[in-house]
Amino acid sequence: MWYHGTSEQAYISIMEEGFKIIPNIARRFGNGIYFSDQQDTEYYGKHTIVADIELNALTTTPDQWYHIENQLIRQYGNDYSQYISTYIQDRGYNALIMEWHSGKELVVFDTESIKIMEAAYAN
C-alpha cells in the first residue's frame, strides 16, 4: 500500500475525478503523482489517500539517481525535470521508486495504474 497526503481541495478533486497529473516544473522527480510507503503524510496535507498501485517501477537510490539526473541535465539543461517521466517511460517503467534511508518515495506517471483503497478525510 502507498500513501498520498494532500490538501482539502485536492482531496475532494481526487475523490470526485481521480488522480490527475498536473504539470509543475518544480517537482524533484518530474510530473507525476507522489506517494510514500510511510503512513505519516501530514507534511503534504492532512488528508490521506491509500492506494494500491500496479507497479513496473524503476527503483533507485539517491546515489544512482544522481547519475541519471546528471545525464538529464546534460541533455535538457536546467529544465530537465519536465523530461523525467518520458525518460522513465521510454525505458518501459510506469513509476519511479526512490529508496531513502527513512522510507520509499513513489512517483507514478500513469494514473490508470492507481487504485484508491481507502481515504481519510481529516476535519
Protein backbone atom coordinates (compact mmCIF):
# COMPACT_ATOMS: atom_id res chain seq x y z
CA MET A 1 0.00 0.00 0.00
CA TRP A 2 1.08 3.55 -0.74
CA TYR A 3 0.02 6.77 0.97
CA HIS A 4 -0.73 10.16 -0.62
CA GLY A 5 -1.10 13.20 1.63
CA THR A 6 -2.94 16.14 0.15
CA SER A 7 -4.86 19.36 0.76
CA GLU A 8 -8.62 19.51 1.27
CA GLN A 9 -9.24 20.96 -2.20
CA ALA A 10 -7.07 18.33 -3.92
CA TYR A 11 -8.61 15.55 -1.81
CA ILE A 12 -12.12 16.48 -2.95
CA SER A 13 -10.99 16.67 -6.58
CA ILE A 14 -9.23 13.28 -6.41
CA MET A 15 -12.24 11.59 -4.82
CA GLU A 16 -14.58 13.07 -7.47
CA GLU A 17 -12.41 12.78 -10.58
CA GLY A 18 -9.49 10.50 -9.73
CA PHE A 19 -5.82 11.38 -9.80
CA LYS A 20 -4.66 13.80 -12.49
CA ILE A 21 -1.09 14.70 -13.34
CA ILE A 22 -0.69 18.47 -13.28
CA PRO A 23 2.49 19.76 -14.93
CA ASN A 24 4.80 21.55 -12.50
CA ILE A 25 8.50 22.04 -13.24
CA ALA A 26 9.30 22.44 -9.54
CA ARG A 27 8.82 18.74 -8.74
CA ARG A 28 12.04 16.91 -7.95
CA PHE A 29 11.21 13.74 -9.87
CA GLY A 30 9.07 15.26 -12.60
CA ASN A 31 5.37 15.36 -13.27
CA GLY A 32 3.59 12.51 -11.57
CA ILE A 33 1.57 11.51 -8.53
CA TYR A 34 3.74 11.28 -5.41
CA PHE A 35 3.26 8.61 -2.74
CA SER A 36 5.09 7.37 0.35
CA ASP A 37 5.39 3.95 1.92
CA GLN A 38 5.00 5.72 5.29
CA GLN A 39 1.53 6.36 6.71
CA ASP A 40 2.53 9.76 8.09
CA THR A 41 1.95 12.06 5.12
CA GLU A 42 0.82 15.12 7.08
CA TYR A 43 3.73 17.16 5.71
CA TYR A 44 1.98 17.06 2.32
CA GLY A 45 -1.53 17.66 3.64
CA LYS A 46 -3.78 16.47 6.43
CA HIS A 47 -5.93 14.30 4.16
CA THR A 48 -4.60 10.85 3.22
CA ILE A 49 -5.45 8.56 0.34
CA VAL A 50 -4.31 4.94 0.49
CA ALA A 51 -3.73 3.32 -2.88
CA ASP A 52 -2.77 0.02 -4.41
CA ILE A 53 -0.67 0.60 -7.49
CA GLU A 54 0.13 -1.73 -10.36
CA LEU A 55 3.84 -1.10 -10.49
CA ASN A 56 6.55 -1.61 -13.01
CA ALA A 57 8.88 0.87 -11.35
CA LEU A 58 12.45 1.94 -11.79
CA THR A 59 13.85 1.62 -8.27
CA THR A 60 16.83 3.79 -7.44
CA THR A 61 18.89 5.14 -4.57
CA PRO A 62 19.94 8.78 -4.23
CA ASP A 63 23.44 7.90 -5.50
CA GLN A 64 22.05 6.14 -8.56
CA TRP A 65 19.59 8.98 -9.18
CA TYR A 66 22.46 11.49 -9.11
CA HIS A 67 23.92 9.84 -12.24
CA ILE A 68 20.55 9.75 -14.03
CA GLU A 69 19.88 13.37 -13.08
CA ASN A 70 23.28 14.49 -14.41
CA GLN A 71 22.57 12.74 -17.70
CA LEU A 72 19.21 14.53 -17.96
CA ILE A 73 20.80 17.91 -17.11
CA ARG A 74 23.42 17.42 -19.83
CA GLN A 75 20.74 16.51 -22.34
CA TYR A 76 17.99 19.01 -21.44
CA GLY A 77 19.58 21.70 -19.26
CA ASN A 78 18.18 23.06 -16.03
CA ASP A 79 14.57 22.42 -17.09
CA TYR A 80 15.24 18.68 -17.21
CA SER A 81 12.53 17.76 -14.67
CA GLN A 82 9.81 18.04 -17.31
CA TYR A 83 11.50 15.17 -19.19
CA ILE A 84 11.83 12.73 -16.28
CA SER A 85 8.54 10.91 -16.91
CA THR A 86 9.42 10.48 -20.59
CA TYR A 87 12.89 9.20 -19.69
CA ILE A 88 11.43 6.60 -17.32
CA GLN A 89 8.50 5.56 -19.52
CA ASP A 90 10.77 5.22 -22.57
CA ARG A 91 12.60 2.54 -20.58
CA GLY A 92 9.37 0.57 -20.00
CA TYR A 93 8.52 1.76 -16.48
CA ASN A 94 5.35 3.45 -15.21
CA ALA A 95 6.84 4.79 -11.97
CA LEU A 96 9.96 5.70 -10.03
CA ILE A 97 10.74 4.48 -6.52
CA MET A 98 13.37 6.43 -4.62
CA GLU A 99 14.79 4.46 -1.71
CA TRP A 100 15.61 6.99 1.01
CA HIS A 101 17.08 5.99 4.38
CA SER A 102 13.75 6.87 6.02
CA GLY A 103 11.50 5.04 3.56
CA LYS A 104 10.43 4.93 -0.06
CA GLU A 105 9.00 7.67 -2.23
CA LEU A 106 6.98 6.65 -5.27
CA VAL A 107 6.21 8.79 -8.29
CA VAL A 108 3.58 7.33 -10.62
CA PHE A 109 3.49 8.56 -14.23
CA ASP A 110 0.43 6.53 -15.30
CA THR A 111 -2.69 7.39 -13.29
CA GLU A 112 -4.60 4.38 -14.63
CA SER A 113 -2.37 2.12 -12.54
CA ILE A 114 -3.62 3.74 -9.28
CA LYS A 115 -6.49 2.11 -7.40
CA ILE A 116 -7.82 4.05 -4.39
CA MET A 117 -8.31 1.63 -1.50
CA GLU A 118 -9.14 3.96 1.38
CA ALA A 119 -9.44 7.67 2.03
CA ALA A 120 -9.10 9.52 5.33
CA TYR A 121 -10.62 12.97 5.42
CA ALA A 122 -9.35 14.90 8.43
CA ASN A 123 -11.66 17.56 9.86
